[in-house]
Amino acid sequence: LISTPNAGGIAMRRVPWRLPAVAMAGALSVTPKGIGCEVKMEGQDWPAGPGRRRFTVESAARCVSKSLPRKPQPPVRHDCGDDAFFLTSLKDHIAIGVADGVSSWQRYGVNPALFAWELMVRCEEAAVKHAGKLEVVELMTAGFEAAVSQDGTLMGSTTACVASLHCDKGVLDVANLGDSGALVVQRDGKVILETKEQQHYFNCPYQLVCLPVSQRTGLAGGDLPASSDTYTTQVRIGDILVFATDGFFDNVFKDKAVEVISQMATLPVSEIAAQLVQLAYQASKSLEESPFGTAAASHGFRHRGGKPDDITVLVARVVAGPTGSTGH
């Protein structure tokens, strides 16, 4: 992506990809968690028995940067290149998010990861502050407004995918802006939720933009959280939830991802996340056909092989917990 001035401010657009150096392929940032929620049993998908039963979401995140290692500094929590993510547990909700900072800001001396992480941190804070009562678009909006209203000097742009799992009903709501996204796969391999990328034109995704106060005019070429596509699905015990940046979706076809997830469905989520990241990383270096190449061809462009990029994958599995559990 490059930024170009126009009458309304700054517009972001991508230029043809040039192969960068990819380093630290084996250095995957790790954030495993077990998150619990209390839930009312609903039909045969919930464990039988009297009263209320708690279920947990086993989750793990893995990422790999296409760039040389960087020491994380606040708000950056992990070196995922320009990607960011969060997962937080509330009384009866779980909030999740992934974001992909626009790397071309490096040309102007700006660390693209800063705004992506600032957005994720502020979304997490908003989820906690409002105790999960915000709808997903409202959650992204609250995080975005808090991020851009910091000291007024923050710069950058990012895509974002934010989700909320309502543990009292087992309902997952997702808001997706740009080309990060989510995939929900049941135990039998059926896909019950799949986000679609949003683009203004090929390889120019919808994105949130943050500029210094002195340079803010209108939307500055960016989009608002209200432009997100929203999705809702009912999750069941055993469902696998995958949230990832475009570094994964541009390199791994959905059918292949579903195949791997189905084969590993009973394995630890950390192993599933690691395998998906490794799959995308290998594909990014390959000359074999890729989703990105297929999309390029459909728009009249020629691109051979995968697309080197930062890759972040967060995997969560819905599981049942013991009756009577109330803690997190």
Protein backbone atom coordinates (compact mmCIF):
# COMPACT_ATOMS: atom_id res chain seq x y z
CA LEU A 1 0.00 0.00 0.00
CA ILE A 2 1.10 3.55 -0.62
CA SER A 3 -0.51 6.78 0.50
CA THR A 4 -1.20 9.52 -2.01
CA PRO A 5 -2.57 13.02 -1.40
CA ASN A 6 -5.94 13.97 -2.81
CA ALA A 7 -8.46 16.73 -2.32
CA GLY A 8 -9.97 15.03 0.71
CA GLY A 9 -6.71 14.20 2.49
CA ILE A 10 -4.76 10.97 2.19
CA ALA A 11 -5.96 7.90 0.30
CA MET A 12 -4.36 4.52 0.71
CA ARG A 13 -3.76 2.18 -2.22
CA ARG A 14 -1.62 -0.85 -2.81
CA VAL A 15 1.12 -1.12 -5.40
CA PRO A 16 2.19 -4.38 -7.11
CA TRP A 17 3.81 -6.71 -4.60
CA ARG A 18 7.58 -7.01 -4.50
CA LEU A 19 9.06 -9.99 -2.73
CA PRO A 20 10.40 -8.91 0.69
CA ALA A 21 12.83 -10.76 2.87
CA VAL A 22 10.94 -13.11 5.18
CA ALA A 23 12.64 -13.73 8.50
CA MET A 24 11.94 -15.55 11.74
CA ALA A 25 9.64 -18.12 10.19
CA GLY A 26 9.94 -20.31 13.23
CA ALA A 27 9.57 -17.56 15.81
CA LEU A 28 5.85 -17.70 16.38
CA SER A 29 4.36 -15.40 18.99
CA VAL A 30 2.25 -17.39 21.41
CA THR A 31 -0.76 -16.38 23.47
CA PRO A 32 -2.65 -19.46 24.69
CA LYS A 33 -5.69 -18.93 26.89
CA GLY A 34 -8.60 -20.83 28.35
CA ILE A 35 -11.65 -18.61 28.62
CA GLY A 36 -14.78 -19.60 30.51
CA CYS A 37 -18.38 -18.52 30.37
CA GLU A 38 -21.52 -19.76 32.03
CA VAL A 39 -24.15 -20.87 29.57
CA LYS A 40 -27.72 -22.20 29.61
CA MET A 41 -28.01 -25.57 27.93
CA GLU A 42 -29.70 -25.42 24.55
CA GLY A 43 -30.83 -28.64 22.92
CA GLN A 44 -28.64 -31.63 22.13
CA ASP A 45 -25.59 -29.53 21.35
CA TRP A 46 -25.15 -28.64 25.02
CA PRO A 47 -24.25 -31.30 27.63
CA ALA A 48 -27.27 -32.92 29.30
CA GLY A 49 -27.93 -32.33 32.97
CA PRO A 50 -29.82 -30.04 35.34
CA GLY A 51 -29.24 -26.35 35.86
CA ARG A 52 -26.66 -24.15 34.23
CA ARG A 53 -23.40 -25.41 32.78
CA ARG A 54 -20.25 -23.45 32.07
CA PHE A 55 -18.43 -23.89 28.78
CA THR A 56 -14.96 -22.71 27.93
CA VAL A 57 -13.29 -21.54 24.77
CA GLU A 58 -9.83 -23.00 24.39
CA SER A 59 -7.83 -20.53 22.35
CA ALA A 60 -4.34 -19.87 21.04
CA ALA A 61 -2.79 -17.32 18.69
CA ARG A 62 0.22 -17.80 16.45
CA CYS A 63 1.86 -15.27 14.15
CA VAL A 64 4.91 -14.80 11.97
CA SER A 65 6.36 -11.53 10.69
CA LYS A 66 7.64 -11.06 7.15
CA SER A 67 10.15 -8.53 8.50
CA LEU A 68 13.16 -8.69 10.79
CA PRO A 69 12.36 -9.09 14.50
CA ARG A 70 11.29 -5.99 16.40
CA LYS A 71 11.17 -5.60 20.17
CA PRO A 72 7.54 -5.02 21.21
CA GLN A 73 6.89 -1.64 22.82
CA PRO A 74 3.49 -0.43 24.10
CA PRO A 75 0.90 -0.69 22.76
CA VAL A 76 2.51 -3.58 20.81
CA ARG A 77 2.25 -6.81 22.84
CA HIS A 78 3.79 -9.32 20.43
CA ASP A 79 6.00 -9.09 17.35
CA CYS A 80 3.50 -10.08 14.67
CA GLY A 81 4.94 -7.71 12.10
CA ASP A 82 2.22 -5.14 11.49
CA ASP A 83 -0.59 -7.44 12.69
CA ALA A 84 -2.33 -7.26 16.07
CA PHE A 85 -4.94 -9.22 18.01
CA PHE A 86 -6.74 -9.54 21.35
CA LEU A 87 -9.02 -11.92 23.23
CA THR A 88 -10.66 -11.07 26.54
CA SER A 89 -13.11 -12.82 28.85
CA LEU A 90 -16.12 -11.09 30.40
CA LYS A 91 -18.88 -12.39 32.66
CA ASP A 92 -21.05 -13.67 29.83
CA HIS A 93 -19.16 -12.64 26.69
CA ILE A 94 -15.84 -13.27 25.00
CA ALA A 95 -14.48 -10.48 22.79
CA ILE A 96 -11.97 -11.21 20.02
CA GLY A 97 -10.22 -9.12 17.40
CA VAL A 98 -7.51 -9.15 14.74
CA ALA A 99 -6.10 -6.21 12.80
CA ASP A 100 -3.57 -5.68 10.01
CA GLY A 101 -1.64 -2.40 9.95
CA VAL A 102 -0.80 -0.90 6.55
CA SER A 103 2.93 -1.44 6.05
CA SER A 104 3.53 1.44 3.63
CA TRP A 105 3.47 3.89 6.56
CA GLN A 106 7.06 2.81 7.15
CA ARG A 107 8.03 5.08 4.24
CA TYR A 108 7.10 8.05 6.41
CA GLY A 109 8.90 6.84 9.52
CA VAL A 110 5.72 5.42 11.06
CA ASN A 111 5.56 1.99 12.69
CA PRO A 112 2.42 0.46 11.09
CA ALA A 113 1.92 -1.90 14.02
CA LEU A 114 1.25 0.95 16.46
CA PHE A 115 -2.21 1.91 15.21
CA ALA A 116 -3.25 -1.71 14.70
CA TRP A 117 -2.30 -2.57 18.26
CA GLU A 118 -3.74 0.66 19.66
CA LEU A 119 -7.06 -0.23 18.03
CA MET A 120 -7.04 -3.76 19.45
CA VAL A 121 -6.08 -2.58 22.94
CA ARG A 122 -8.83 0.06 22.90
CA CYS A 123 -11.41 -2.43 21.62
CA GLU A 124 -10.46 -4.75 24.47
CA GLU A 125 -10.80 -1.92 26.99
CA ALA A 126 -14.20 -0.96 25.57
CA ALA A 127 -15.41 -4.56 25.82
CA VAL A 128 -14.38 -4.69 29.48
CA LYS A 129 -15.76 -1.23 30.29
CA HIS A 130 -19.17 -1.96 28.82
CA ALA A 131 -19.27 -5.55 30.11
CA GLY A 132 -19.98 -7.00 26.69
CA LYS A 133 -23.12 -4.95 26.17
CA LEU A 134 -21.89 -3.28 22.96
CA GLU A 135 -22.80 -4.70 19.56
CA VAL A 136 -19.73 -5.62 17.52
CA VAL A 137 -19.85 -2.53 15.29
CA GLU A 138 -20.30 -0.37 18.40
CA LEU A 139 -17.32 -2.15 19.95
CA MET A 140 -15.13 -1.42 16.93
CA THR A 141 -16.38 2.17 16.91
CA ALA A 142 -15.58 2.66 20.60
CA GLY A 143 -12.09 1.24 20.10
CA PHE A 144 -11.49 3.37 17.01
CA GLU A 145 -12.66 6.60 18.63
CA ALA A 146 -10.54 5.95 21.70
CA ALA A 147 -7.48 5.16 19.56
CA VAL A 148 -7.68 8.29 17.40
CA SER A 149 -8.33 10.55 20.39
CA GLN A 150 -5.12 9.72 22.21
CA ASP A 151 -2.42 12.39 22.05
CA GLY A 152 -3.37 13.48 18.53
CA THR A 153 -0.09 12.38 16.97
CA LEU A 154 -0.83 8.72 16.21
CA MET A 155 -0.66 7.83 12.52
CA GLY A 156 -1.51 4.74 10.52
CA SER A 157 -4.30 2.70 9.02
CA THR A 158 -5.53 -0.84 9.56
CA THR A 159 -8.13 -3.41 8.63
CA ALA A 160 -10.06 -4.99 11.52
CA CYS A 161 -12.23 -7.96 12.40
CA VAL A 162 -13.97 -7.84 15.79
CA ALA A 163 -16.20 -10.52 17.30
CA SER A 164 -18.25 -11.17 20.41
CA LEU A 165 -19.31 -14.60 21.61
CA HIS A 166 -22.49 -14.36 23.68
CA CYS A 167 -22.05 -17.17 26.14
CA ASP A 168 -25.60 -17.15 27.46
CA LYS A 169 -26.95 -18.05 24.00
CA GLY A 170 -23.92 -19.42 22.19
CA VAL A 171 -24.28 -16.71 19.53
CA LEU A 172 -21.22 -15.37 17.71
CA ASP A 173 -21.41 -11.88 16.19
CA VAL A 174 -18.67 -10.63 13.85
CA ALA A 175 -17.94 -7.23 12.30
CA ASN A 176 -15.36 -7.25 9.50
CA LEU A 177 -13.80 -4.21 7.83
CA GLY A 178 -11.33 -4.93 5.03
CA ASP A 179 -9.55 -8.18 4.26
CA SER A 180 -8.86 -9.74 7.64
CA GLY A 181 -11.64 -12.14 8.58
CA ALA A 182 -13.20 -15.10 10.37
CA LEU A 183 -14.11 -18.70 9.62
CA VAL A 184 -16.22 -21.05 11.77
CA VAL A 185 -16.01 -24.78 11.08
CA GLN A 186 -18.16 -27.45 12.72
CA ARG A 187 -16.95 -30.91 13.72
CA ASP A 188 -18.27 -32.42 10.48
CA GLY A 189 -16.34 -29.89 8.37
CA LYS A 190 -19.38 -27.72 7.61
CA VAL A 191 -18.58 -23.99 7.38
CA ILE A 192 -21.26 -22.00 9.20
CA LEU A 193 -19.61 -18.56 9.00
CA GLU A 194 -17.20 -17.11 6.47
CA THR A 195 -16.49 -13.41 6.16
CA LYS A 196 -15.89 -11.81 2.77
CA GLU A 197 -13.20 -9.25 2.10
CA GLN A 198 -14.18 -5.65 1.46
CA GLN A 199 -12.23 -3.78 -1.20
CA HIS A 200 -12.61 -0.40 -2.88
CA TYR A 201 -10.78 -1.96 -5.83
CA PHE A 202 -8.39 -4.87 -6.19
CA ASN A 203 -5.87 -5.02 -3.37
CA CYS A 204 -7.19 -1.85 -1.75
CA PRO A 205 -9.17 -3.02 1.29
CA TYR A 206 -11.48 -0.98 3.46
CA GLN A 207 -9.44 0.43 6.36
CA LEU A 208 -9.60 2.67 9.38
CA VAL A 209 -7.25 5.67 9.13
CA CYS A 210 -5.69 7.73 11.89
CA LEU A 211 -3.86 10.99 11.18
CA PRO A 212 -2.47 13.72 13.44
CA VAL A 213 -5.12 16.28 14.37
CA SER A 214 -3.47 18.91 12.16
CA GLN A 215 -3.96 16.71 9.08
CA ARG A 216 -7.46 15.41 9.67
CA THR A 217 -9.91 16.42 6.94
CA GLY A 218 -13.10 14.40 6.58
CA LEU A 219 -12.33 10.67 6.48
CA ALA A 220 -8.83 11.27 5.11
CA GLY A 221 -9.43 8.58 2.53
CA GLY A 222 -10.38 6.01 5.16
CA ASP A 223 -13.53 4.15 6.19
CA LEU A 224 -15.58 4.01 9.36
CA PRO A 225 -16.51 1.00 11.51
CA ALA A 226 -20.11 1.51 10.36
CA SER A 227 -19.01 0.28 6.93
CA SER A 228 -18.20 -3.16 8.36
CA ASP A 229 -20.05 -6.23 7.15
CA THR A 230 -21.71 -8.05 10.05
CA TYR A 231 -22.31 -11.77 10.53
CA THR A 232 -24.11 -13.90 13.13
CA THR A 233 -24.10 -17.64 13.77
CA GLN A 234 -25.02 -20.10 16.51
CA VAL A 235 -21.96 -21.98 17.75
CA ARG A 236 -21.97 -25.49 19.20
CA ILE A 237 -19.65 -27.57 21.32
CA GLY A 238 -16.70 -28.60 19.19
CA ASP A 239 -16.92 -25.73 16.71
CA ILE A 240 -13.57 -24.24 15.65
CA LEU A 241 -13.42 -20.44 15.34
CA VAL A 242 -10.60 -19.00 13.24
CA PHE A 243 -9.74 -15.29 13.11
CA ALA A 244 -6.89 -14.27 10.82
CA THR A 245 -5.31 -11.45 8.86
CA ASP A 246 -5.04 -11.41 5.07
CA GLY A 247 -1.60 -12.99 5.26
CA PHE A 248 -3.48 -16.21 5.92
CA PHE A 249 -6.50 -15.78 3.65
CA ASP A 250 -4.40 -14.57 0.68
CA ASN A 251 -2.30 -17.74 0.81
CA VAL A 252 -4.59 -20.57 1.90
CA PHE A 253 -7.68 -21.62 -0.02
CA LYS A 254 -10.76 -22.10 2.14
CA ASP A 255 -11.15 -25.78 1.22
CA LYS A 256 -7.57 -26.48 2.31
CA ALA A 257 -8.05 -24.59 5.56
CA VAL A 258 -11.25 -26.51 6.32
CA GLU A 259 -9.52 -29.81 5.51
CA VAL A 260 -6.69 -29.09 7.96
CA ILE A 261 -9.06 -27.83 10.66
CA SER A 262 -11.28 -30.92 10.33
CA GLN A 263 -8.32 -33.29 10.50
CA MET A 264 -6.93 -31.55 13.61
CA ALA A 265 -10.28 -30.73 15.27
CA THR A 266 -9.55 -32.75 18.42
CA LEU A 267 -5.92 -31.66 18.81
CA PRO A 268 -4.80 -28.77 21.04
CA VAL A 269 -5.78 -25.40 19.54
CA SER A 270 -2.15 -24.29 19.79
CA GLU A 271 -1.24 -27.04 17.32
CA ILE A 272 -4.07 -26.06 14.97
CA ALA A 273 -3.04 -22.39 15.01
CA ALA A 274 0.62 -23.26 14.47
CA GLN A 275 -0.21 -25.57 11.57
CA LEU A 276 -2.41 -22.95 9.87
CA VAL A 277 0.31 -20.31 10.18
CA GLN A 278 2.92 -22.72 8.86
CA LEU A 279 0.64 -23.65 5.96
CA ALA A 280 0.17 -20.00 5.03
CA TYR A 281 3.87 -19.22 5.43
CA GLN A 282 4.93 -22.06 3.14
CA ALA A 283 2.31 -21.05 0.57
CA SER A 284 3.49 -17.43 0.69
CA LYS A 285 6.90 -18.56 -0.59
CA SER A 286 5.53 -21.02 -3.14
CA LEU A 287 4.97 -20.48 -6.85
CA GLU A 288 1.83 -22.60 -6.71
CA GLU A 289 -1.59 -21.06 -7.27
CA SER A 290 -2.86 -18.97 -4.35
CA PRO A 291 -6.09 -17.16 -3.46
CA PHE A 292 -4.30 -13.86 -4.03
CA GLY A 293 -3.10 -14.93 -7.48
CA THR A 294 -6.57 -16.15 -8.39
CA ALA A 295 -8.10 -12.85 -7.29
CA ALA A 296 -5.46 -10.91 -9.23
CA ALA A 297 -6.25 -12.84 -12.41
CA SER A 298 -9.97 -12.15 -12.00
CA HIS A 299 -9.17 -8.41 -12.03
CA GLY A 300 -6.87 -8.62 -15.05
CA PHE A 301 -3.56 -8.73 -13.17
CA ARG A 302 -0.87 -11.36 -13.34
CA HIS A 303 0.56 -12.68 -10.08
CA ARG A 304 2.31 -16.01 -9.71
CA GLY A 305 2.44 -17.89 -6.42
CA GLY A 306 1.74 -16.80 -2.88
CA LYS A 307 1.95 -13.37 -1.28
CA PRO A 308 4.61 -12.84 1.42
CA ASP A 309 2.99 -11.02 4.33
CA ASP A 310 2.65 -10.94 8.09
CA ILE A 311 0.45 -13.86 9.14
CA THR A 312 -1.65 -13.97 12.31
CA VAL A 313 -4.11 -16.74 13.20
CA LEU A 314 -6.18 -16.99 16.39
CA VAL A 315 -8.00 -20.31 16.90
CA ALA A 316 -10.70 -20.95 19.50
CA ARG A 317 -12.65 -24.15 20.15
CA VAL A 318 -15.99 -24.21 21.97
CA VAL A 319 -15.86 -26.87 24.70
CA ALA A 320 -18.06 -27.84 27.66
CA GLY A 321 -16.89 -27.35 31.21
CA PRO A 322 -17.97 -28.92 34.51
CA THR A 323 -21.44 -28.25 35.92
CA GLY A 324 -21.58 -25.49 38.48
CA SER A 325 -18.40 -23.70 37.45
CA THR A 326 -18.65 -19.94 37.78
CA GLY A 327 -15.08 -18.66 37.63
CA HIS A 328 -13.03 -17.56 34.63
